[in-house]
């Protein structure tokens, strides 16, 4: 029993000494360790990195030294050169500062750009800005640049429409025989050789290969516009109304023979004149040589000869004295001024009315083509083209 109490007393004494030692140790550490430093407010210019470590368990802050490389990256201002100018700006971070680059002026020169893109049913087609400077094979009535590129887009869409028409008719639109026939007819009409054609294409801004493609497109556009105009109906009442409102006249004219009688020096001048007057009245008593009959139009006759328009066949005019003798006219046919009949003018009137309606028909056809396609026009800012 005494041994048991002795062991218990030793244990209590041991734990008491140990506790006293820990407390003393804490007092010693608290006297020797410096007070924790007040946390430094981090600058917005320097982000928190992995090199900074905070230890709260030991009541102290351990801060490693920032690398010298990062200090060089942190700067209050940075100079950037742009197009010959110098600007200063605040650097937000080392990363932003490191990515800052010097922008230099480009030495590239503009050559050409895309003015518009035509997305049709058959293909997509690009119209370059340089097209507006080409003289072209045919005159184009465009008041401004927008209308000019609209014309180019319309030509392309009409060509694609022609391709579809040829395919529906079981014909090959890409057969060279079609364009070759058109070119041969063009050369015959203008009396051109192939060398002449190349010169014409060159003056128009095309190579031979480009020119042949352009001629094929012209043929296709003409084919489609003429087809649209032929299918256009002109009401009969419009034809009659136009005929009555715009009458045309056939000028008065006569068909006559002419005879020249030189002076007869065997008789007196007065006697010869009397003989010719009697001959004009009776048609006999004098021998003359008549010319081949020809037409005389009233508005083309000289004033001193317009009297023959009042004569009826087979009247012989009174002798008119002229240089070296006398002249007479014998009327063969006399046609007075008359209105040209509707029958003779019918085709001309129909063509005229179609021509007047052609603008409207073409505009309707153009609208149909543009509605079935997509045409995108690019500005100078989008393409980098010089204004």
Protein backbone atom coordinates (compact mmCIF):
# COMPACT_ATOMS: atom_id res chain seq x y z
CA UNK A 1 0.00 0.00 0.00
CA UNK A 2 2.83 2.34 0.94
CA UNK A 3 4.58 1.52 -2.32
CA UNK A 4 1.39 2.38 -4.28
CA UNK A 5 1.10 5.84 -2.72
CA UNK A 6 4.81 6.46 -3.32
CA UNK A 7 4.52 5.71 -7.05
CA UNK A 8 1.40 7.94 -7.35
CA UNK A 9 3.25 10.84 -5.70
CA UNK A 10 6.16 10.53 -8.09
CA UNK A 11 3.77 10.61 -11.10
CA UNK A 12 2.02 13.80 -9.89
CA UNK A 13 5.37 15.49 -9.32
CA UNK A 14 6.52 14.51 -12.83
CA UNK A 15 3.48 15.99 -14.58
CA UNK A 16 3.70 19.18 -12.54
CA UNK A 17 7.34 19.75 -13.50
CA UNK A 18 6.59 19.10 -17.15
CA UNK A 19 3.75 21.61 -17.18
CA UNK A 20 5.91 24.20 -15.46
CA UNK A 21 8.64 23.69 -18.09
CA UNK A 22 6.27 24.29 -21.01
CA UNK A 23 5.00 27.51 -19.44
CA UNK A 24 8.52 28.73 -18.85
CA UNK A 25 9.46 27.88 -22.39
CA UNK A 26 6.55 29.87 -23.73
CA UNK A 27 7.62 32.90 -21.68
CA UNK A 28 11.19 32.63 -23.00
CA UNK A 29 10.02 32.38 -26.63
CA UNK A 30 7.68 35.34 -26.19
CA UNK A 31 10.55 37.45 -24.86
CA UNK A 32 13.02 36.50 -27.60
CA UNK A 33 10.77 36.50 -30.71
CA UNK A 34 9.97 39.88 -32.26
CA UNK A 35 6.41 41.05 -32.56
CA UNK A 36 4.66 40.06 -35.81
CA UNK A 37 5.11 42.75 -38.45
CA UNK A 38 2.10 44.69 -39.57
CA UNK A 39 0.94 43.21 -42.96
CA UNK A 40 2.00 45.41 -45.81
CA UNK A 41 -0.78 46.56 -48.13
CA UNK A 42 -0.14 45.00 -51.52
CA UNK A 43 0.23 47.46 -54.38
CA UNK A 44 -2.03 47.07 -57.34
CA UNK A 45 1.07 47.22 -59.47
CA UNK A 46 2.47 43.97 -57.96
CA UNK A 47 0.24 40.86 -57.89
CA UNK A 48 0.51 38.24 -55.21
CA UNK A 49 2.84 35.47 -56.30
CA UNK A 50 3.74 32.07 -55.02
CA UNK A 51 6.95 33.46 -53.58
CA UNK A 52 5.04 34.99 -50.62
CA UNK A 53 4.07 32.57 -47.83
CA UNK A 54 2.10 33.41 -44.59
CA UNK A 55 2.50 31.10 -41.58
CA UNK A 56 -0.12 31.76 -38.92
CA UNK A 57 0.64 28.71 -36.83
CA UNK A 58 3.95 30.11 -35.67
CA UNK A 59 2.58 33.69 -35.40
CA UNK A 60 5.08 35.01 -37.98
CA UNK A 61 5.21 36.10 -41.60
CA UNK A 62 7.94 34.85 -43.84
CA UNK A 63 8.33 36.87 -47.05
CA UNK A 64 10.80 35.82 -49.66
CA UNK A 65 12.58 38.39 -51.71
CA UNK A 66 10.99 39.26 -55.08
CA UNK A 67 13.08 38.18 -58.06
CA UNK A 68 15.06 40.97 -59.65
CA UNK A 69 13.55 40.10 -63.07
CA UNK A 70 10.01 40.86 -61.91
CA UNK A 71 11.09 44.17 -60.41
CA UNK A 72 12.35 45.25 -63.78
CA UNK A 73 9.00 44.31 -65.37
CA UNK A 74 7.06 46.41 -62.86
CA UNK A 75 7.13 49.97 -64.13
CA UNK A 76 4.98 52.96 -63.56
CA UNK A 77 4.95 54.03 -67.20
CA UNK A 78 5.78 52.40 -70.53
CA UNK A 79 6.47 54.12 -73.82
CA UNK A 80 4.86 52.66 -76.96
CA UNK A 81 5.67 53.88 -80.48
CA UNK A 82 2.72 53.82 -82.87
CA UNK A 83 2.83 55.22 -86.44
CA UNK A 84 5.52 57.73 -85.61
CA UNK A 85 3.85 58.95 -82.36
CA UNK A 86 4.93 58.39 -78.69
CA UNK A 87 2.27 57.63 -76.09
CA UNK A 88 2.58 56.87 -72.34
CA UNK A 89 0.22 54.67 -70.35
CA UNK A 90 0.11 53.01 -66.94
CA UNK A 91 1.22 49.40 -66.89
CA UNK A 92 -1.24 47.21 -65.01
CA UNK A 93 0.86 44.10 -64.58
CA UNK A 94 4.20 42.53 -65.46
CA UNK A 95 2.37 40.26 -67.94
CA UNK A 96 0.75 43.18 -69.76
CA UNK A 97 4.09 44.99 -69.84
CA UNK A 98 5.91 41.96 -71.20
CA UNK A 99 3.33 41.55 -74.03
CA UNK A 100 3.56 45.20 -75.14
CA UNK A 101 4.98 45.36 -78.70
CA UNK A 102 6.24 48.13 -80.93
CA UNK A 103 3.84 48.66 -83.89
CA UNK A 104 5.60 49.62 -87.10
CA UNK A 105 4.07 51.15 -90.22
CA UNK A 106 3.46 48.56 -92.97
CA UNK A 107 5.23 48.86 -96.31
CA UNK A 108 2.50 46.87 -98.14
CA UNK A 109 0.74 48.56 -101.07
CA UNK A 110 -2.89 48.11 -102.08
CA UNK A 111 -3.35 46.30 -105.43
CA UNK A 112 -7.04 45.39 -105.67
CA UNK A 113 -10.04 44.68 -103.51
CA UNK A 114 -13.45 43.03 -103.58
CA UNK A 115 -16.20 45.49 -104.49
CA UNK A 116 -19.08 43.02 -104.31
CA UNK A 117 -19.79 39.30 -104.09
CA UNK A 118 -22.60 37.75 -106.15
CA UNK A 119 -24.00 34.52 -104.71
CA UNK A 120 -26.20 33.16 -107.50
CA UNK A 121 -27.95 29.84 -108.09
CA UNK A 122 -25.05 28.48 -110.17
CA UNK A 123 -21.95 29.91 -108.55
CA UNK A 124 -20.44 32.65 -106.40
CA UNK A 125 -18.77 35.43 -108.32
CA UNK A 126 -16.49 38.22 -107.10
CA UNK A 127 -16.40 41.65 -108.74
CA UNK A 128 -13.08 43.38 -108.09
CA UNK A 129 -12.75 47.10 -107.54
CA UNK A 130 -10.49 47.39 -110.59
CA UNK A 131 -13.43 46.51 -112.89
CA UNK A 132 -14.65 50.10 -112.71
CA UNK A 133 -11.48 51.33 -114.43
CA UNK A 134 -11.79 49.06 -117.50
CA UNK A 135 -13.14 50.73 -120.67
CA UNK A 136 -15.30 47.66 -121.33
CA UNK A 137 -16.61 46.17 -124.57
CA UNK A 138 -19.90 48.08 -124.50
CA UNK A 139 -20.95 51.45 -123.09
CA UNK A 140 -22.58 51.32 -119.64
CA UNK A 141 -25.05 53.97 -118.53
CA UNK A 142 -24.24 54.35 -114.84
CA UNK A 143 -24.57 57.62 -112.95
CA UNK A 144 -22.36 56.57 -110.04
CA UNK A 145 -20.17 53.76 -108.73
CA UNK A 146 -23.08 51.98 -107.03
CA UNK A 147 -25.04 51.70 -110.28
CA UNK A 148 -21.90 50.48 -112.05
CA UNK A 149 -21.40 47.55 -109.66
CA UNK A 150 -25.15 46.82 -109.80
CA UNK A 151 -24.73 46.47 -113.57
CA UNK A 152 -21.86 43.99 -113.08
CA UNK A 153 -23.97 41.99 -110.62
CA UNK A 154 -26.96 41.98 -112.99
CA UNK A 155 -24.79 40.74 -115.88
CA UNK A 156 -23.50 37.87 -113.75
CA UNK A 157 -26.99 36.85 -112.56
CA UNK A 158 -28.41 37.08 -116.11
CA UNK A 159 -25.55 34.84 -117.29
CA UNK A 160 -26.37 32.27 -114.60
CA UNK A 161 -30.04 32.44 -115.59
CA UNK A 162 -29.02 31.78 -119.21
CA UNK A 163 -27.04 28.72 -118.08
CA UNK A 164 -30.17 27.33 -116.43
CA UNK A 165 -32.27 28.04 -119.54
CA UNK A 166 -29.76 26.20 -121.74
CA UNK A 167 -29.77 23.21 -119.39
CA UNK A 168 -33.59 23.09 -119.43
CA UNK A 169 -33.43 23.06 -123.23
CA UNK A 170 -31.02 20.09 -123.08
CA UNK A 171 -28.16 22.22 -124.42
CA UNK A 172 -24.65 22.49 -123.06
CA UNK A 173 -24.08 26.11 -121.98
CA UNK A 174 -20.34 25.47 -121.70
CA UNK A 175 -20.00 24.31 -125.31
CA UNK A 176 -17.42 26.56 -126.97
CA UNK A 177 -19.32 26.34 -130.25
CA UNK A 178 -21.90 28.79 -128.88
CA UNK A 179 -19.46 31.58 -128.11
CA UNK A 180 -17.33 30.79 -131.18
CA UNK A 181 -20.35 31.26 -133.43
CA UNK A 182 -21.13 34.57 -131.73
CA UNK A 183 -17.51 35.76 -132.09
CA UNK A 184 -17.38 34.72 -135.77
CA UNK A 185 -20.53 36.72 -136.48
CA UNK A 186 -19.10 39.72 -134.61
CA UNK A 187 -15.87 39.56 -136.62
CA UNK A 188 -17.73 39.26 -139.94
CA UNK A 189 -19.98 42.19 -139.05
CA UNK A 190 -17.01 44.44 -138.25
CA UNK A 191 -14.60 42.90 -140.77
CA UNK A 192 -12.16 41.89 -138.02
CA UNK A 193 -9.42 39.31 -138.10
CA UNK A 194 -8.47 37.41 -134.94
CA UNK A 195 -5.56 39.82 -134.50
CA UNK A 196 -7.99 42.76 -134.74
CA UNK A 197 -10.21 41.13 -132.13
CA UNK A 198 -7.25 40.73 -129.74
CA UNK A 199 -6.43 44.43 -130.14
CA UNK A 200 -10.04 45.41 -129.44
CA UNK A 201 -10.07 43.25 -126.31
CA UNK A 202 -6.74 44.66 -125.18
CA UNK A 203 -7.97 48.25 -125.54
CA UNK A 204 -11.03 47.26 -123.51
CA UNK A 205 -8.87 46.00 -120.64
CA UNK A 206 -9.07 42.24 -121.30
CA UNK A 207 -6.68 39.52 -122.31
CA UNK A 208 -7.84 37.18 -125.09
CA UNK A 209 -9.02 34.55 -122.59
CA UNK A 210 -10.76 37.13 -120.38
CA UNK A 211 -12.30 38.78 -123.43
CA UNK A 212 -13.80 35.54 -124.71
CA UNK A 213 -15.43 34.98 -121.32
CA UNK A 214 -16.75 38.55 -121.36
CA UNK A 215 -18.13 38.11 -124.90
CA UNK A 216 -19.89 34.93 -123.82
CA UNK A 217 -21.47 36.78 -120.91
CA UNK A 218 -22.56 39.59 -123.25
CA UNK A 219 -24.17 37.04 -125.56
CA UNK A 220 -26.00 35.45 -122.61
CA UNK A 221 -27.27 38.81 -121.29
CA UNK A 222 -28.49 39.89 -124.75
CA UNK A 223 -30.16 36.51 -125.25
CA UNK A 224 -32.07 36.75 -121.96
CA UNK A 225 -33.14 40.39 -122.33
CA UNK A 226 -34.34 39.84 -125.91
CA UNK A 227 -36.24 36.75 -124.81
CA UNK A 228 -37.99 38.75 -122.10
CA UNK A 229 -38.91 41.49 -124.57
CA UNK A 230 -40.23 39.03 -127.16
CA UNK A 231 -42.56 37.48 -124.66
CA UNK A 232 -43.91 40.92 -123.78
CA UNK A 233 -47.42 41.33 -125.20
CA UNK A 234 -48.48 44.64 -126.73
CA UNK A 235 -52.28 45.08 -126.72
CA UNK A 236 -53.89 45.86 -130.08
CA UNK A 237 -55.66 48.92 -128.74
CA UNK A 238 -52.31 50.41 -127.71
CA UNK A 239 -50.98 49.90 -131.24
CA UNK A 240 -53.99 51.61 -132.86
CA UNK A 241 -53.89 54.45 -130.34
CA UNK A 242 -50.21 55.04 -131.03
CA UNK A 243 -50.82 54.96 -134.80
CA UNK A 244 -53.55 57.59 -134.61
CA UNK A 245 -51.57 59.80 -132.24
CA UNK A 246 -48.34 59.65 -134.26
CA UNK A 247 -49.22 59.69 -137.98
CA UNK A 248 -46.43 59.44 -140.53
CA UNK A 249 -46.78 60.78 -144.07
CA UNK A 250 -45.26 59.75 -147.32
CA UNK A 251 -44.15 62.93 -149.05
CA UNK A 252 -45.65 63.89 -152.41
CA UNK A 253 -43.53 62.68 -155.32
CA UNK A 254 -43.68 62.35 -159.05
CA UNK A 255 -42.06 60.00 -161.49
CA UNK A 256 -41.05 61.91 -164.58
CA UNK A 257 -38.85 61.89 -167.68
CA UNK A 258 -36.57 64.79 -168.52
CA UNK A 259 -35.58 66.10 -171.95
CA UNK A 260 -32.93 68.71 -172.75
CA UNK A 261 -33.24 70.63 -176.03
CA UNK A 262 -30.18 72.72 -177.01
CA UNK A 263 -30.52 76.05 -178.81
CA UNK A 264 -31.22 75.75 -182.55
CA UNK A 265 -29.10 78.41 -184.20
CA UNK A 266 -30.83 77.83 -187.55
CA UNK A 267 -33.94 79.60 -186.28
CA UNK A 268 -34.59 82.44 -183.90
CA UNK A 269 -34.70 81.89 -180.17
CA UNK A 270 -38.34 83.02 -180.00
CA UNK A 271 -39.43 80.69 -182.79
CA UNK A 272 -37.82 77.68 -181.14
CA UNK A 273 -39.53 78.51 -177.82
CA UNK A 274 -42.94 78.70 -179.55
CA UNK A 275 -42.38 75.36 -181.19
CA UNK A 276 -41.57 73.75 -177.81
CA UNK A 277 -44.65 75.30 -176.17
CA UNK A 278 -46.83 73.81 -178.92
CA UNK A 279 -45.06 70.48 -178.49
CA UNK A 280 -45.83 70.52 -174.72
CA UNK A 281 -49.48 71.13 -175.43
CA UNK A 282 -49.98 68.60 -178.26
CA UNK A 283 -47.13 66.19 -177.74
CA UNK A 284 -46.23 66.28 -181.40
CA UNK A 285 -44.39 68.52 -183.86
CA UNK A 286 -40.97 68.32 -182.28
CA UNK A 287 -38.49 65.51 -181.75
CA UNK A 288 -36.87 65.22 -178.25
CA UNK A 289 -34.86 62.56 -176.40
CA UNK A 290 -36.44 61.55 -173.05
CA UNK A 291 -34.36 60.23 -170.14
CA UNK A 292 -35.12 57.19 -168.04
CA UNK A 293 -38.01 57.97 -165.64
CA UNK A 294 -36.96 58.79 -162.05
CA UNK A 295 -38.67 59.90 -158.84
CA UNK A 296 -38.73 63.50 -157.64
CA UNK A 297 -39.71 64.15 -154.00
CA UNK A 298 -41.40 67.45 -153.25
CA UNK A 299 -39.30 68.49 -150.25
CA UNK A 300 -36.12 67.73 -152.22
CA UNK A 301 -36.95 69.75 -155.33
CA UNK A 302 -35.56 73.19 -156.05
CA UNK A 303 -38.08 76.01 -155.84
CA UNK A 304 -38.19 76.66 -159.60
CA UNK A 305 -39.08 73.00 -160.26
CA UNK A 306 -41.77 72.43 -157.64
CA UNK A 307 -44.45 73.29 -160.22
CA UNK A 308 -44.15 69.78 -161.69
CA UNK A 309 -45.77 68.41 -158.52
CA UNK A 310 -49.08 69.87 -159.74
CA UNK A 311 -48.94 68.06 -163.10
CA UNK A 312 -50.73 64.82 -163.84
CA UNK A 313 -49.55 62.14 -166.25
CA UNK A 314 -48.92 62.22 -169.19
CA UNK A 315 -48.59 66.00 -169.07
CA UNK A 316 -45.48 67.60 -170.55
CA UNK A 317 -44.30 70.66 -168.66
CA UNK A 318 -43.76 74.01 -170.30
CA UNK A 319 -40.21 74.49 -171.52
CA UNK A 320 -37.85 76.02 -168.97
CA UNK A 321 -34.87 77.96 -170.28
CA UNK A 322 -31.59 76.85 -168.83
CA UNK A 323 -27.90 77.04 -169.69
CA UNK A 324 -27.44 76.22 -173.35
CA UNK A 325 -31.07 75.41 -174.14
CA UNK A 326 -34.45 74.33 -172.77
CA UNK A 327 -35.63 71.47 -170.51
CA UNK A 328 -38.99 69.71 -170.37
CA UNK A 329 -40.51 67.12 -168.00
CA UNK A 330 -43.08 64.49 -168.85
CA UNK A 331 -45.02 63.14 -165.86
CA UNK A 332 -45.33 59.37 -165.60
CA UNK A 333 -46.73 58.98 -162.06
CA UNK A 334 -47.91 61.58 -159.55
CA UNK A 335 -48.37 60.50 -155.92
CA UNK A 336 -49.63 63.16 -153.50
CA UNK A 337 -48.71 63.37 -149.80
CA UNK A 338 -50.48 60.55 -147.95
CA UNK A 339 -50.65 58.93 -144.50
CA UNK A 340 -48.70 55.68 -144.24
CA UNK A 341 -51.08 52.80 -143.56
CA UNK A 342 -51.21 50.93 -140.24
CA UNK A 343 -50.37 47.70 -142.03
CA UNK A 344 -47.03 49.10 -143.19
CA UNK A 345 -46.25 50.60 -139.80
CA UNK A 346 -47.50 47.74 -137.60
CA UNK A 347 -44.15 46.05 -136.90
CA UNK A 348 -42.43 49.39 -136.38
CA UNK A 349 -45.07 50.49 -133.88
CA UNK A 350 -44.87 47.19 -131.97
CA UNK A 351 -41.07 47.53 -131.76
CA UNK A 352 -41.44 51.13 -130.62
CA UNK A 353 -43.90 50.25 -127.86
CA UNK A 354 -41.72 47.36 -126.75
CA UNK A 355 -38.74 49.68 -126.62
CA UNK A 356 -40.66 52.11 -124.45
CA UNK A 357 -41.64 49.27 -122.13
CA UNK A 358 -38.19 47.68 -122.24
CA UNK A 359 -36.92 49.71 -119.28
CA UNK A 360 -39.78 48.54 -117.11
CA UNK A 361 -39.44 44.92 -118.26
CA UNK A 362 -35.70 44.92 -117.59
CA UNK A 363 -36.23 46.42 -114.13
CA UNK A 364 -38.76 43.69 -113.32
CA UNK A 365 -36.35 41.02 -114.60
CA UNK A 366 -33.51 42.58 -112.62
CA UNK A 367 -35.60 42.58 -109.43
CA UNK A 368 -36.46 38.92 -109.95
CA UNK A 369 -32.80 37.99 -110.34
CA UNK A 370 -31.68 39.98 -107.29
CA UNK A 371 -34.50 38.54 -105.15
CA UNK A 372 -33.36 35.00 -105.97
CA UNK A 373 -29.70 35.69 -105.15
CA UNK A 374 -27.51 37.40 -102.59
CA UNK A 375 -25.38 40.37 -103.58
CA UNK A 376 -23.04 41.76 -100.92
CA UNK A 377 -21.40 45.15 -101.47
CA UNK A 378 -18.21 45.87 -99.51
CA UNK A 379 -17.19 49.30 -98.29
CA UNK A 380 -13.67 50.72 -98.46
CA UNK A 381 -13.27 50.26 -94.70
CA UNK A 382 -14.13 46.53 -94.95
CA UNK A 383 -11.73 45.75 -97.79
CA UNK A 384 -8.93 48.17 -97.04
CA UNK A 385 -9.44 49.85 -100.41
CA UNK A 386 -8.30 53.45 -100.67
CA UNK A 387 -11.27 55.81 -100.80
